[in-house]
Amino acid sequence: MDWNGATGVLAVILIFGMPVFIVGIVFLFIYRSNAERQKTLRMAIEKSDTLPPELLERIQSMQKKPKTPMNDVRAGLILIAIAGGIMIWNYLDHGEVGGHLSGLAAVPGLIGVALLILGIIGLNTRKTDK
């Protein structure tokens, strides 16, 4: 068996498999905490007729907040800043704008521009709805 070839295959599997493994672990912990929270709440409801208002307020505060257009604007600006940072890094390393890393910087930059446009459109439609 060619150990050099096996090492290369193993390296590729580990490089691409490790992020999937880490994301899986994170989702497992999130699922477990949600299941435990629901189990505790179910037991509290079964044991008593009323729930204390503090518990209800805490449950409501743990709910995800709805996304607003301002979240899109914020995320868009952050992604554009990341793209700008990559471009500055490329300029400092190679002394040229639009060189080696410009394609890499285009990905977060264009996603950021799209989110910024969506956020601005959402903010404008909210103002006209009122």
C-alpha atoms as a PDB file:
ATOM      1  CA  MET A   1       0.000   0.000   0.000  1.00  0.00           C
ATOM      2  CA  ASP A   2       1.245   3.465  -0.886  1.00  0.00           C
ATOM      3  CA  TRP A   3       1.356   5.370   2.412  1.00  0.00           C
ATOM      4  CA  ASN A   4       1.988   8.734   0.736  1.00  0.00           C
ATOM      5  CA  GLY A   5      -1.249   8.443  -1.223  1.00  0.00           C
ATOM      6  CA  ALA A   6      -3.152   7.271   1.846  1.00  0.00           C
ATOM      7  CA  THR A   7      -1.800  10.194   3.854  1.00  0.00           C
ATOM      8  CA  GLY A   8      -2.984  12.639   1.217  1.00  0.00           C
ATOM      9  CA  VAL A   9      -6.453  11.122   1.113  1.00  0.00           C
ATOM     10  CA  LEU A  10      -6.626  11.124   4.911  1.00  0.00           C
ATOM     11  CA  ALA A  11      -5.539  14.762   5.012  1.00  0.00           C
ATOM     12  CA  VAL A  12      -8.245  15.791   2.539  1.00  0.00           C
ATOM     13  CA  ILE A  13     -10.903  13.849   4.460  1.00  0.00           C
ATOM     14  CA  LEU A  14      -9.828  15.443   7.748  1.00  0.00           C
ATOM     15  CA  ILE A  15      -9.634  18.963   6.307  1.00  0.00           C
ATOM     16  CA  PHE A  16     -13.123  18.817   4.821  1.00  0.00           C
ATOM     17  CA  GLY A  17     -14.627  16.550   7.458  1.00  0.00           C
ATOM     18  CA  MET A  18     -13.555  18.513  10.533  1.00  0.00           C
ATOM     19  CA  PRO A  19     -15.793  21.572   9.872  1.00  0.00           C
ATOM     20  CA  VAL A  20     -18.753  19.250   9.267  1.00  0.00           C
ATOM     21  CA  PHE A  21     -17.973  17.438  12.509  1.00  0.00           C
ATOM     22  CA  ILE A  22     -17.706  20.698  14.492  1.00  0.00           C
ATOM     23  CA  VAL A  23     -20.989  22.043  13.089  1.00  0.00           C
ATOM     24  CA  GLY A  24     -22.646  18.723  13.930  1.00  0.00           C
ATOM     25  CA  ILE A  25     -21.474  18.931  17.533  1.00  0.00           C
ATOM     26  CA  VAL A  26     -22.763  22.504  17.858  1.00  0.00           C
ATOM     27  CA  PHE A  27     -26.167  21.527  16.475  1.00  0.00           C
ATOM     28  CA  LEU A  28     -26.280  18.531  18.810  1.00  0.00           C
ATOM     29  CA  PHE A  29     -25.731  20.754  21.861  1.00  0.00           C
ATOM     30  CA  ILE A  30     -28.325  23.270  20.658  1.00  0.00           C
ATOM     31  CA  TYR A  31     -30.838  20.459  20.091  1.00  0.00           C
ATOM     32  CA  ARG A  32     -30.147  18.998  23.539  1.00  0.00           C
ATOM     33  CA  SER A  33     -30.532  22.331  25.321  1.00  0.00           C
ATOM     34  CA  ASN A  34     -33.816  23.027  23.508  1.00  0.00           C
ATOM     35  CA  ALA A  35     -35.089  19.541  24.355  1.00  0.00           C
ATOM     36  CA  GLU A  36     -34.129  19.967  28.026  1.00  0.00           C
ATOM     37  CA  ARG A  37     -35.814  23.370  28.147  1.00  0.00           C
ATOM     38  CA  GLN A  38     -39.014  21.961  26.649  1.00  0.00           C
ATOM     39  CA  LYS A  39     -38.954  18.999  29.025  1.00  0.00           C
ATOM     40  CA  THR A  40     -38.541  21.290  32.041  1.00  0.00           C
ATOM     41  CA  LEU A  41     -41.347  23.547  30.862  1.00  0.00           C
ATOM     42  CA  ARG A  42     -43.626  20.568  30.202  1.00  0.00           C
ATOM     43  CA  MET A  43     -42.982  19.209  33.697  1.00  0.00           C
ATOM     44  CA  ALA A  44     -43.664  22.617  35.252  1.00  0.00           C
ATOM     45  CA  ILE A  45     -46.962  22.892  33.399  1.00  0.00           C
ATOM     46  CA  GLU A  46     -47.999  19.354  34.428  1.00  0.00           C
ATOM     47  CA  LYS A  47     -47.210  19.926  38.119  1.00  0.00           C
ATOM     48  CA  SER A  48     -48.967  23.254  38.512  1.00  0.00           C
ATOM     49  CA  ASP A  49     -51.950  25.030  37.017  1.00  0.00           C
ATOM     50  CA  THR A  50     -50.243  28.402  36.738  1.00  0.00           C
ATOM     51  CA  LEU A  51     -46.747  29.426  35.852  1.00  0.00           C
ATOM     52  CA  PRO A  52     -45.052  32.341  37.605  1.00  0.00           C
ATOM     53  CA  PRO A  53     -44.944  35.508  35.494  1.00  0.00           C
ATOM     54  CA  GLU A  54     -41.147  35.644  35.874  1.00  0.00           C
ATOM     55  CA  LEU A  55     -40.849  32.266  34.146  1.00  0.00           C
ATOM     56  CA  LEU A  56     -43.098  33.374  31.295  1.00  0.00           C
ATOM     57  CA  GLU A  57     -41.087  36.592  30.845  1.00  0.00           C
ATOM     58  CA  ARG A  58     -37.853  34.616  30.811  1.00  0.00           C
ATOM     59  CA  ILE A  59     -39.224  32.203  28.205  1.00  0.00           C
ATOM     60  CA  GLN A  60     -40.285  35.125  26.017  1.00  0.00           C
ATOM     61  CA  SER A  61     -36.864  36.753  26.360  1.00  0.00           C
ATOM     62  CA  MET A  62     -35.197  33.523  25.159  1.00  0.00           C
ATOM     63  CA  GLN A  63     -37.195  33.514  21.932  1.00  0.00           C
ATOM     64  CA  LYS A  64     -35.346  34.632  18.825  1.00  0.00           C
ATOM     65  CA  LYS A  65     -35.962  38.205  17.856  1.00  0.00           C
ATOM     66  CA  PRO A  66     -37.462  38.664  14.398  1.00  0.00           C
ATOM     67  CA  LYS A  67     -35.013  39.809  11.764  1.00  0.00           C
ATOM     68  CA  THR A  68     -35.305  43.429  10.814  1.00  0.00           C
ATOM     69  CA  PRO A  69     -33.979  45.220   7.745  1.00  0.00           C
ATOM     70  CA  MET A  70     -31.429  46.897  10.026  1.00  0.00           C
ATOM     71  CA  ASN A  71     -29.890  43.438  10.662  1.00  0.00           C
ATOM     72  CA  ASP A  72     -29.359  43.091   6.894  1.00  0.00           C
ATOM     73  CA  VAL A  73     -27.734  46.532   6.726  1.00  0.00           C
ATOM     74  CA  ARG A  74     -25.441  45.661   9.644  1.00  0.00           C
ATOM     75  CA  ALA A  75     -24.462  42.278   8.166  1.00  0.00           C
ATOM     76  CA  GLY A  76     -23.903  43.857   4.746  1.00  0.00           C
ATOM     77  CA  LEU A  77     -21.595  46.506   6.147  1.00  0.00           C
ATOM     78  CA  ILE A  78     -19.625  43.903   8.094  1.00  0.00           C
ATOM     79  CA  LEU A  79     -19.141  41.758   4.977  1.00  0.00           C
ATOM     80  CA  ILE A  80     -18.104  44.776   2.904  1.00  0.00           C
ATOM     81  CA  ALA A  81     -15.586  45.672   5.634  1.00  0.00           C
ATOM     82  CA  ILE A  82     -14.212  42.109   5.546  1.00  0.00           C
ATOM     83  CA  ALA A  83     -13.791  42.365   1.763  1.00  0.00           C
ATOM     84  CA  GLY A  84     -12.067  45.723   2.193  1.00  0.00           C
ATOM     85  CA  GLY A  85      -9.735  44.217   4.776  1.00  0.00           C
ATOM     86  CA  ILE A  86      -8.795  41.399   2.413  1.00  0.00           C
ATOM     87  CA  MET A  87      -8.098  43.933  -0.345  1.00  0.00           C
ATOM     88  CA  ILE A  88      -5.918  46.028   1.998  1.00  0.00           C
ATOM     89  CA  TRP A  89      -4.080  42.882   3.054  1.00  0.00           C
ATOM     90  CA  ASN A  90      -3.463  42.055  -0.612  1.00  0.00           C
ATOM     91  CA  TYR A  91      -2.185  45.578  -1.270  1.00  0.00           C
ATOM     92  CA  LEU A  92       0.189  45.460   1.687  1.00  0.00           C
ATOM     93  CA  ASP A  93       1.533  42.029   0.709  1.00  0.00           C
ATOM     94  CA  HIS A  94       1.828  42.451  -3.052  1.00  0.00           C
ATOM     95  CA  GLY A  95       1.644  46.208  -3.626  1.00  0.00           C
ATOM     96  CA  GLU A  96      -1.221  45.966  -6.096  1.00  0.00           C
ATOM     97  CA  VAL A  97      -4.946  46.503  -5.999  1.00  0.00           C
ATOM     98  CA  GLY A  98      -7.020  43.740  -7.562  1.00  0.00           C
ATOM     99  CA  GLY A  99      -4.296  41.149  -7.412  1.00  0.00           C
ATOM    100  CA  HIS A 100      -4.156  37.652  -6.003  1.00  0.00           C
ATOM    101  CA  LEU A 101      -6.841  37.938  -3.329  1.00  0.00           C
ATOM    102  CA  SER A 102      -9.348  40.111  -5.154  1.00  0.00           C
ATOM    103  CA  GLY A 103     -11.441  37.100  -6.191  1.00  0.00           C
ATOM    104  CA  LEU A 104     -11.563  35.946  -2.602  1.00  0.00           C
ATOM    105  CA  ALA A 105     -12.534  39.442  -1.432  1.00  0.00           C
ATOM    106  CA  ALA A 106     -15.292  39.648  -4.049  1.00  0.00           C
ATOM    107  CA  VAL A 107     -17.310  36.875  -2.385  1.00  0.00           C
ATOM    108  CA  PRO A 108     -18.034  38.575   0.977  1.00  0.00           C
ATOM    109  CA  GLY A 109     -18.042  41.960  -0.715  1.00  0.00           C
ATOM    110  CA  LEU A 110     -20.805  41.124  -3.186  1.00  0.00           C
ATOM    111  CA  ILE A 111     -22.841  39.280  -0.547  1.00  0.00           C
ATOM    112  CA  GLY A 112     -22.460  42.360   1.641  1.00  0.00           C
ATOM    113  CA  VAL A 113     -23.622  44.656  -1.147  1.00  0.00           C
ATOM    114  CA  ALA A 114     -26.670  42.430  -1.727  1.00  0.00           C
ATOM    115  CA  LEU A 115     -27.547  42.443   1.988  1.00  0.00           C
ATOM    116  CA  LEU A 116     -27.059  46.196   2.150  1.00  0.00           C
ATOM    117  CA  ILE A 117     -29.419  46.718  -0.790  1.00  0.00           C
ATOM    118  CA  LEU A 118     -32.011  44.353   0.731  1.00  0.00           C
ATOM    119  CA  GLY A 119     -31.764  46.153   4.062  1.00  0.00           C
ATOM    120  CA  ILE A 120     -32.185  49.589   2.495  1.00  0.00           C
ATOM    121  CA  ILE A 121     -35.170  48.390   0.449  1.00  0.00           C
ATOM    122  CA  GLY A 122     -36.667  46.855   3.603  1.00  0.00           C
ATOM    123  CA  LEU A 123     -36.156  50.063   5.572  1.00  0.00           C
ATOM    124  CA  ASN A 124     -37.774  52.125   2.818  1.00  0.00           C
ATOM    125  CA  THR A 125     -40.789  49.817   2.543  1.00  0.00           C
ATOM    126  CA  ARG A 126     -41.249  49.921   6.325  1.00  0.00           C
ATOM    127  CA  LYS A 127     -41.350  53.723   6.237  1.00  0.00           C
ATOM    128  CA  THR A 128     -43.973  53.767   3.486  1.00  0.00           C
ATOM    129  CA  ASP A 129     -46.118  51.141   5.267  1.00  0.00           C
ATOM    130  CA  LYS A 130     -46.512  53.322   8.358  1.00  0.00           C
END
